[in-house]
Amino acid sequence: MGENDLSIKLNTIVEISQLVTSSKSFYSIKDKVVDKMLNVISPKKACVNIFDRYEYKYAYLVCKDTLEYIPKLFEKDQTPQGPKIHIDIYPPYIKEAIETKKPIYIKRLSDDPRASGELEIANKEGYIGRAVFPLISSNSVVGFMTCFLEEGEELSSTDVDFIDSVALLLGLSMEITRYNGDIDRIVKKLREAIASIAKATDELYKNKGIDSFFTMISEQVCKLTNSEASLIVVEDHDIRVNTMAKFGKIEDFSHIVEFVFNEENKQRDVKLFSKKDLPKHIVDMGITSLIFEPLKKENAVIGHLIAINSKKYYNDDLKILAIYASQIVLSLIMYINSRRIFDNKLMERDLEIVGKQQELIMSDKHMRLDGCVAIDYYYSPSR
């Protein structure tokens, strides 16, 4: 390979890097990146497959414009992201590249037993060799890119390094996209949380009771964290509140409450549990995931806010719970104080009425009785 060819590849990497770093969306640049790559290597066919987050059972074919036959095989599996393809359909060497996080280049499929199952497809698509490059983001494989080689086409070691660099940049683009998506999701959740808390607080004062307030909060927690059920437990002897509110499908919450209190007592600062972290008796109840946040008044734990059974809990779900927990305690304290003020005013009014009644009864402060006996008294209300 000549110096001119190397210079072209380096310039292309710079151009692709600029595309990736200036864009917030992988989907807006993916095809441009592939086109730029194919302009400087001998293969003219390539595709990109990506995984849904934390899901490696299926891959989505998101770049397929240079292919002819393969996309038609999966037309019935079309989704907004692209055709959804089960990972077992792919040749073993693709799964090997994903597991090892390293590129695999097969020059001639007919000579490699790992490719024996795709020879018919290869013949119809018109390729004889294939190279697979994992897309890596934060040390995790988020997808893979494939280059298809026809008769007379091949990849040099420099080509392989070049394509691997492009794959790494696509992985970075996916990381940027997901990061921006996470930020948008968090902002949206926070806005919804604040709005729902305000609505619930209005109900608290309108109905003059905490039951409807807790029930509304429980329902909103389920919605924002995509949970099947949620639970609020409060036990505060100072303000004489001992209550529980629940929303969702779970019937028996007693074992869940016991588990959460035990975890809180361990002081491990672990608030997110997947199926493998939960004890067997909890899993047997159909609980596969759980997050919780303690309700703290000053430094004392007076209860817990618990969300149960989401497909996947994220760190921002814990942040949402923390916001709700703080607001629950604040609203509870303000409500109790307002009730005390109201009750005190009632008592003051009652005492004032009683005082006036007593003054009327004892209006004469000097009484003379038979036998020359006199009684004088002084009256002061107990207030």
Protein backbone atom coordinates (compact mmCIF):
# COMPACT_ATOMS: atom_id res chain seq x y z
CA MET A 1 0.00 0.00 0.00
CA GLY A 2 1.39 3.41 -0.96
CA GLU A 3 1.75 6.55 1.12
CA ASN A 4 -1.06 8.18 -0.86
CA ASP A 5 -3.46 5.35 0.06
CA LEU A 6 -2.51 5.65 3.75
CA SER A 7 -3.02 9.41 3.62
CA ILE A 8 -6.51 8.95 2.16
CA LYS A 9 -7.47 6.55 4.96
CA LEU A 10 -6.14 8.92 7.63
CA ASN A 11 -8.08 11.82 6.13
CA THR A 12 -11.20 9.66 6.03
CA ILE A 13 -10.78 8.80 9.72
CA VAL A 14 -10.51 12.52 10.49
CA GLU A 15 -13.69 13.22 8.50
CA ILE A 16 -15.58 10.41 10.24
CA SER A 17 -14.33 11.61 13.64
CA GLN A 18 -15.69 15.08 12.88
CA LEU A 19 -19.04 13.57 11.90
CA VAL A 20 -19.23 11.58 15.13
CA THR A 21 -18.19 14.34 17.51
CA SER A 22 -20.41 16.98 15.91
CA SER A 23 -23.56 14.82 15.88
CA LYS A 24 -25.85 13.89 18.76
CA SER A 25 -27.45 11.00 16.89
CA PHE A 26 -25.88 7.78 15.61
CA TYR A 27 -28.85 7.30 13.29
CA SER A 28 -28.25 10.59 11.46
CA ILE A 29 -24.64 9.76 10.52
CA LYS A 30 -24.42 5.94 10.30
CA ASP A 31 -24.98 5.75 6.53
CA LYS A 32 -22.60 8.62 5.82
CA VAL A 33 -19.89 6.90 7.87
CA VAL A 34 -20.32 3.61 6.01
CA ASP A 35 -20.26 5.39 2.63
CA LYS A 36 -17.03 7.20 3.48
CA MET A 37 -15.45 3.94 4.63
CA LEU A 38 -16.44 2.02 1.49
CA ASN A 39 -14.98 4.77 -0.69
CA VAL A 40 -11.44 3.92 0.43
CA ILE A 41 -11.46 0.09 0.71
CA SER A 42 -11.97 -2.56 -1.94
CA PRO A 43 -15.22 -4.13 -0.58
CA LYS A 44 -18.32 -2.22 -1.71
CA LYS A 45 -20.82 -3.93 0.55
CA ALA A 46 -21.18 -3.47 4.30
CA CYS A 47 -23.85 -3.43 6.98
CA VAL A 48 -24.19 -2.44 10.63
CA ASN A 49 -26.13 -4.30 13.28
CA ILE A 50 -26.79 -2.91 16.76
CA PHE A 51 -28.07 -4.37 20.01
CA ASP A 52 -30.78 -2.93 22.14
CA ARG A 53 -29.37 -1.81 25.46
CA TYR A 54 -28.55 -4.76 27.75
CA GLU A 55 -30.21 -7.12 25.25
CA TYR A 56 -27.99 -9.42 23.20
CA LYS A 57 -30.63 -11.89 22.08
CA TYR A 58 -31.50 -9.86 18.97
CA ALA A 59 -29.57 -7.53 16.66
CA TYR A 60 -31.12 -4.79 14.51
CA LEU A 61 -29.92 -4.34 10.93
CA VAL A 62 -29.63 -0.54 10.73
CA CYS A 63 -27.35 -0.09 7.67
CA LYS A 64 -28.27 -2.23 4.67
CA ASP A 65 -28.37 0.05 1.61
CA THR A 66 -25.41 -1.65 -0.10
CA LEU A 67 -26.95 -5.12 0.28
CA GLU A 68 -29.49 -6.67 -2.10
CA TYR A 69 -30.60 -10.16 -1.07
CA ILE A 70 -30.05 -10.26 2.72
CA PRO A 71 -32.50 -7.43 3.67
CA LYS A 72 -35.28 -9.22 1.78
CA LEU A 73 -34.86 -12.27 4.03
CA PHE A 74 -35.91 -10.21 7.06
CA GLU A 75 -38.61 -7.95 5.64
CA LYS A 76 -41.20 -9.59 7.89
CA ASP A 77 -39.09 -8.76 10.96
CA GLN A 78 -39.06 -5.02 10.26
CA THR A 79 -39.13 -2.61 13.27
CA PRO A 80 -38.61 1.19 13.52
CA GLN A 81 -34.92 0.47 14.19
CA GLY A 82 -34.59 -1.97 11.31
CA PRO A 83 -35.08 -5.72 10.82
CA LYS A 84 -34.87 -7.57 14.15
CA ILE A 85 -32.72 -10.69 13.79
CA HIS A 86 -32.19 -13.40 16.40
CA ILE A 87 -28.51 -13.78 17.29
CA ASP A 88 -28.62 -17.54 16.66
CA ILE A 89 -29.23 -16.90 12.95
CA TYR A 90 -25.79 -15.33 12.56
CA PRO A 91 -22.72 -17.51 11.80
CA PRO A 92 -20.69 -18.67 14.84
CA TYR A 93 -17.71 -16.46 14.01
CA ILE A 94 -19.85 -13.34 14.43
CA LYS A 95 -20.77 -14.40 17.95
CA GLU A 96 -17.09 -15.15 18.52
CA ALA A 97 -16.14 -11.61 17.47
CA ILE A 98 -18.78 -10.22 19.86
CA GLU A 99 -17.55 -12.33 22.78
CA THR A 100 -13.84 -11.65 22.20
CA LYS A 101 -14.39 -8.00 21.20
CA LYS A 102 -11.94 -8.51 18.33
CA PRO A 103 -12.31 -8.36 14.52
CA ILE A 104 -12.54 -11.63 12.59
CA TYR A 105 -11.67 -11.78 8.89
CA ILE A 106 -12.51 -14.84 6.80
CA LYS A 107 -11.01 -14.52 3.32
CA ARG A 108 -12.90 -17.44 1.82
CA LEU A 109 -16.04 -18.72 3.53
CA SER A 110 -15.90 -22.10 1.77
CA ASP A 111 -12.60 -22.85 3.55
CA ASP A 112 -13.84 -22.10 7.06
CA PRO A 113 -16.23 -24.54 8.85
CA ARG A 114 -17.63 -21.66 10.94
CA ALA A 115 -19.19 -20.26 7.76
CA SER A 116 -20.67 -23.47 6.39
CA GLY A 117 -24.22 -22.42 7.28
CA GLU A 118 -24.18 -19.20 5.27
CA LEU A 119 -22.79 -20.41 1.93
CA GLU A 120 -26.21 -20.38 0.26
CA ILE A 121 -26.92 -16.82 1.40
CA ALA A 122 -23.39 -15.77 0.40
CA ASN A 123 -23.92 -17.17 -3.07
CA LYS A 124 -27.20 -15.28 -3.52
CA GLU A 125 -25.77 -12.03 -2.15
CA GLY A 126 -22.61 -12.51 -4.18
CA TYR A 127 -19.81 -12.53 -1.58
CA ILE A 128 -17.09 -15.07 -0.87
CA GLY A 129 -15.45 -13.54 2.22
CA ARG A 130 -16.57 -11.60 5.26
CA ALA A 131 -15.01 -9.49 8.01
CA VAL A 132 -16.72 -8.66 11.32
CA PHE A 133 -15.84 -5.70 13.54
CA PRO A 134 -17.45 -5.25 17.00
CA LEU A 135 -18.80 -1.81 17.91
CA ILE A 136 -17.58 -1.11 21.42
CA SER A 137 -18.89 1.52 23.83
CA SER A 138 -17.68 1.82 27.45
CA ASN A 139 -16.00 -1.59 27.08
CA SER A 140 -19.32 -3.21 26.08
CA VAL A 141 -20.26 -4.49 22.61
CA VAL A 142 -23.19 -2.44 21.34
CA GLY A 143 -23.26 -3.90 17.82
CA PHE A 144 -21.08 -5.04 14.94
CA MET A 145 -20.18 -4.01 11.41
CA THR A 146 -19.70 -6.50 8.56
CA CYS A 147 -17.81 -6.05 5.31
CA PHE A 148 -18.68 -8.42 2.45
CA LEU A 149 -15.93 -9.32 -0.02
CA GLU A 150 -16.66 -10.40 -3.59
CA GLU A 151 -14.33 -12.34 -5.88
CA GLY A 152 -11.08 -10.40 -6.34
CA GLU A 153 -11.59 -8.22 -3.26
CA GLU A 154 -9.49 -8.55 -0.12
CA LEU A 155 -8.45 -6.64 2.99
CA SER A 156 -4.88 -5.83 3.94
CA SER A 157 -3.81 -5.60 7.58
CA THR A 158 -3.96 -1.82 7.22
CA ASP A 159 -7.51 -2.10 5.87
CA VAL A 160 -8.49 -4.20 8.87
CA ASP A 161 -7.02 -1.61 11.24
CA PHE A 162 -8.77 1.18 9.33
CA ILE A 163 -12.19 -0.53 9.43
CA ASP A 164 -11.67 -1.37 13.11
CA SER A 165 -11.06 2.34 13.78
CA VAL A 166 -14.29 3.20 11.95
CA ALA A 167 -16.13 0.61 14.07
CA LEU A 168 -14.74 2.18 17.25
CA LEU A 169 -15.98 5.59 16.09
CA LEU A 170 -19.44 4.15 15.39
CA GLY A 171 -19.38 2.69 18.92
CA LEU A 172 -18.50 6.15 20.24
CA SER A 173 -21.38 7.63 18.25
CA MET A 174 -23.77 5.15 19.86
CA GLU A 175 -22.42 6.09 23.28
CA ILE A 176 -22.99 9.79 22.56
CA THR A 177 -26.50 9.04 21.29
CA ARG A 178 -27.42 6.99 24.33
CA TYR A 179 -25.92 9.57 26.68
CA ASN A 180 -28.01 12.32 25.08
CA GLY A 181 -31.03 10.03 25.17
CA ASP A 182 -30.43 9.35 28.87
CA ILE A 183 -30.22 13.08 29.57
CA ASP A 184 -33.46 13.72 27.69
CA ARG A 185 -35.14 10.84 29.51
CA ILE A 186 -33.98 12.08 32.91
CA VAL A 187 -35.16 15.63 32.21
CA LYS A 188 -38.53 14.34 31.05
CA LYS A 189 -38.88 12.12 34.12
CA LEU A 190 -37.91 14.95 36.45
CA ARG A 191 -40.48 17.25 34.89
CA GLU A 192 -43.17 14.60 35.19
CA ALA A 193 -42.13 13.87 38.78
CA ILE A 194 -42.32 17.53 39.80
CA ALA A 195 -45.70 17.96 38.09
CA SER A 196 -47.15 14.82 39.70
CA ILE A 197 -45.81 15.78 43.15
CA ALA A 198 -47.46 19.20 42.86
CA LYS A 199 -50.75 17.58 41.88
CA ALA A 200 -50.55 15.07 44.73
CA THR A 201 -49.71 17.82 47.23
CA ASP A 202 -52.78 19.77 46.12
CA GLU A 203 -54.85 16.66 46.79
CA LEU A 204 -53.24 16.33 50.21
CA TYR A 205 -54.50 19.72 51.36
CA LYS A 206 -57.76 19.60 49.45
CA ASN A 207 -58.84 16.28 50.95
CA LYS A 208 -57.24 16.91 54.34
CA GLY A 209 -55.86 13.35 54.39
CA ILE A 210 -52.65 11.52 53.55
CA ASP A 211 -54.15 8.30 52.15
CA SER A 212 -55.09 9.73 48.75
CA PHE A 213 -51.74 11.59 48.66
CA PHE A 214 -49.74 8.38 49.17
CA THR A 215 -51.88 6.43 46.69
CA MET A 216 -51.35 9.07 44.02
CA ILE A 217 -47.59 9.10 44.65
CA SER A 218 -47.46 5.30 44.42
CA GLU A 219 -49.23 5.34 41.07
CA GLN A 220 -46.90 8.02 39.69
CA VAL A 221 -43.79 6.11 40.85
CA CYS A 222 -45.01 3.04 38.94
CA LYS A 223 -45.55 5.10 35.81
CA LEU A 224 -42.21 6.94 35.82
CA THR A 225 -40.08 3.89 36.65
CA ASN A 226 -42.07 1.45 34.46
CA SER A 227 -42.74 -0.71 37.52
CA GLU A 228 -45.51 -3.23 38.06
CA ALA A 229 -46.08 -2.10 41.65
CA SER A 230 -44.93 0.38 44.27
CA LEU A 231 -45.26 0.73 48.02
CA ILE A 232 -44.96 3.51 50.60
CA VAL A 233 -44.46 2.54 54.24
CA VAL A 234 -44.39 5.19 56.98
CA GLU A 235 -44.00 4.69 60.73
CA ASP A 236 -43.26 7.83 62.73
CA HIS A 237 -44.09 7.77 66.44
CA ASP A 238 -43.34 11.48 66.90
CA ILE A 239 -46.13 12.57 64.60
CA ARG A 240 -48.24 9.47 65.31
CA VAL A 241 -48.38 8.28 61.71
CA ASN A 242 -48.33 4.57 60.88
CA THR A 243 -49.58 3.85 57.40
CA MET A 244 -48.95 1.97 54.15
CA ALA A 245 -50.06 2.75 50.61
CA LYS A 246 -49.63 0.47 47.62
CA PHE A 247 -50.32 0.43 43.93
CA GLY A 248 -49.97 -2.41 41.44
CA LYS A 249 -50.18 -6.16 41.03
CA ILE A 250 -48.26 -7.54 44.03
CA GLU A 251 -50.60 -9.05 46.62
CA ASP A 252 -48.40 -9.73 49.67
CA PHE A 253 -46.02 -6.90 50.51
CA SER A 254 -45.02 -8.03 54.00
CA HIS A 255 -41.95 -10.05 52.91
CA ILE A 256 -40.84 -7.22 50.64
CA VAL A 257 -41.07 -4.69 53.47
CA GLU A 258 -39.12 -7.02 55.75
CA PHE A 259 -36.41 -7.51 53.10
CA VAL A 260 -36.05 -3.76 52.51
CA PHE A 261 -35.82 -2.97 56.24
CA ASN A 262 -33.16 -5.65 56.66
CA GLU A 263 -31.16 -4.24 53.75
CA GLU A 264 -31.46 -0.74 55.18
CA ASN A 265 -30.14 -1.97 58.53
CA LYS A 266 -27.06 -3.41 56.81
CA GLN A 267 -26.10 0.16 55.81
CA ARG A 268 -24.56 -1.03 52.52
CA ASP A 269 -25.99 1.83 50.46
CA VAL A 270 -27.35 -0.71 47.95
CA LYS A 271 -30.81 0.25 46.74
CA LEU A 272 -31.13 -1.59 43.41
CA PHE A 273 -31.66 -5.35 43.26
CA SER A 274 -32.00 -7.64 40.25
CA LYS A 275 -33.26 -11.22 40.36
CA LYS A 276 -29.82 -12.64 41.19
CA ASP A 277 -29.54 -10.31 44.21
CA LEU A 278 -32.91 -11.20 45.73
CA PRO A 279 -33.52 -14.08 48.18
CA LYS A 280 -35.36 -17.13 46.91
CA HIS A 281 -38.57 -16.50 48.87
CA ILE A 282 -38.85 -13.06 47.26
CA VAL A 283 -38.17 -14.40 43.76
CA ASP A 284 -40.76 -17.14 44.34
CA MET A 285 -43.33 -14.35 44.77
CA GLY A 286 -42.63 -13.27 41.20
CA ILE A 287 -40.32 -10.39 42.13
CA THR A 288 -37.51 -10.02 39.58
CA SER A 289 -36.25 -6.51 40.36
CA LEU A 290 -36.62 -3.96 43.12
CA ILE A 291 -35.42 -0.48 44.05
CA PHE A 292 -36.09 1.51 47.21
CA GLU A 293 -35.36 4.83 48.89
CA PRO A 294 -35.61 5.46 52.65
CA LEU A 295 -37.88 8.20 53.96
CA LYS A 296 -35.72 10.24 56.32
CA LYS A 297 -36.82 12.90 58.80
CA GLU A 298 -33.64 14.58 59.93
CA ASN A 299 -31.37 11.53 60.43
CA ALA A 300 -34.07 9.06 61.37
CA VAL A 301 -35.57 6.58 58.86
CA ILE A 302 -39.35 6.75 59.19
CA GLY A 303 -40.25 4.57 56.22
CA HIS A 304 -39.47 3.51 52.67
CA LEU A 305 -40.57 4.14 49.10
CA ILE A 306 -40.31 0.91 47.08
CA ALA A 307 -40.71 0.19 43.35
CA ILE A 308 -41.05 -3.40 42.13
CA ASN A 309 -40.60 -5.30 38.86
CA SER A 310 -39.35 -3.10 36.04
CA LYS A 311 -37.74 -4.63 32.96
CA LYS A 312 -34.65 -2.58 33.75
CA TYR A 313 -34.00 -0.07 36.51
CA TYR A 314 -31.56 2.75 35.78
CA ASN A 315 -29.68 5.12 38.06
CA ASP A 316 -32.08 7.91 37.12
CA ASP A 317 -34.92 5.78 38.53
CA LEU A 318 -33.14 5.92 41.88
CA LYS A 319 -32.86 9.70 41.49
CA ILE A 320 -36.60 9.88 40.82
CA LEU A 321 -37.28 7.85 43.98
CA ALA A 322 -34.99 10.15 46.00
CA ILE A 323 -36.93 13.21 44.81
CA TYR A 324 -40.25 11.60 45.70
CA ALA A 325 -38.94 10.44 49.08
CA SER A 326 -37.80 13.95 50.02
CA GLN A 327 -41.11 15.44 48.95
CA ILE A 328 -43.12 12.78 50.79
CA VAL A 329 -41.37 13.58 54.07
CA LEU A 330 -41.61 17.34 53.54
CA SER A 331 -45.30 17.18 52.60
CA LEU A 332 -46.01 14.88 55.54
CA ILE A 333 -44.33 17.22 58.04
CA MET A 334 -46.06 20.28 56.60
CA TYR A 335 -49.40 18.51 56.61
CA ILE A 336 -49.04 17.33 60.21
CA ASN A 337 -47.96 20.80 61.32
CA SER A 338 -50.89 22.41 59.52
CA ARG A 339 -53.23 19.95 61.21
CA ARG A 340 -51.70 20.78 64.58
CA ILE A 341 -52.13 24.49 63.95
CA PHE A 342 -55.73 23.88 62.93
CA ASP A 343 -56.39 21.69 65.98
CA ASN A 344 -54.75 24.25 68.29
CA LYS A 345 -56.93 27.00 66.89
CA LEU A 346 -59.99 24.85 67.54
CA MET A 347 -58.81 24.24 71.10
CA GLU A 348 -58.18 27.95 71.65
CA ARG A 349 -61.68 28.73 70.45
CA ASP A 350 -63.19 26.04 72.71
CA LEU A 351 -61.22 27.30 75.72
CA GLU A 352 -62.34 30.85 75.02
CA ILE A 353 -65.99 29.75 74.92
CA VAL A 354 -65.58 27.74 78.14
CA GLY A 355 -63.87 30.71 79.80
CA LYS A 356 -66.72 33.02 78.91
CA GLN A 357 -69.23 30.45 80.19
CA GLN A 358 -67.37 30.23 83.49
CA GLU A 359 -67.24 34.02 83.80
CA LEU A 360 -71.00 34.16 83.32
CA ILE A 361 -71.55 31.48 85.95
CA MET A 362 -69.17 33.14 88.41
CA SER A 363 -69.87 36.77 87.62
CA ASP A 364 -70.35 37.73 91.30
CA LYS A 365 -66.88 37.63 92.91
CA HIS A 366 -68.19 38.39 96.46
CA MET A 367 -70.82 36.16 98.05
CA ARG A 368 -72.35 36.41 101.56
CA LEU A 369 -73.86 33.33 103.13
CA ASP A 370 -76.08 32.93 106.15
CA GLY A 371 -74.30 32.98 109.48
CA CYS A 372 -72.19 35.96 108.53
CA VAL A 373 -69.91 33.87 106.31
CA ALA A 374 -68.47 35.54 103.19
CA ILE A 375 -66.64 33.99 100.22
CA ASP A 376 -64.38 35.91 97.85
CA TYR A 377 -62.70 34.31 94.83
CA TYR A 378 -60.38 35.14 91.97
CA TYR A 379 -60.83 33.40 88.55
CA SER A 380 -58.17 33.08 85.86
CA PRO A 381 -58.65 30.90 82.76
CA SER A 382 -56.24 27.92 82.52
CA ARG A 383 -54.79 29.36 79.31
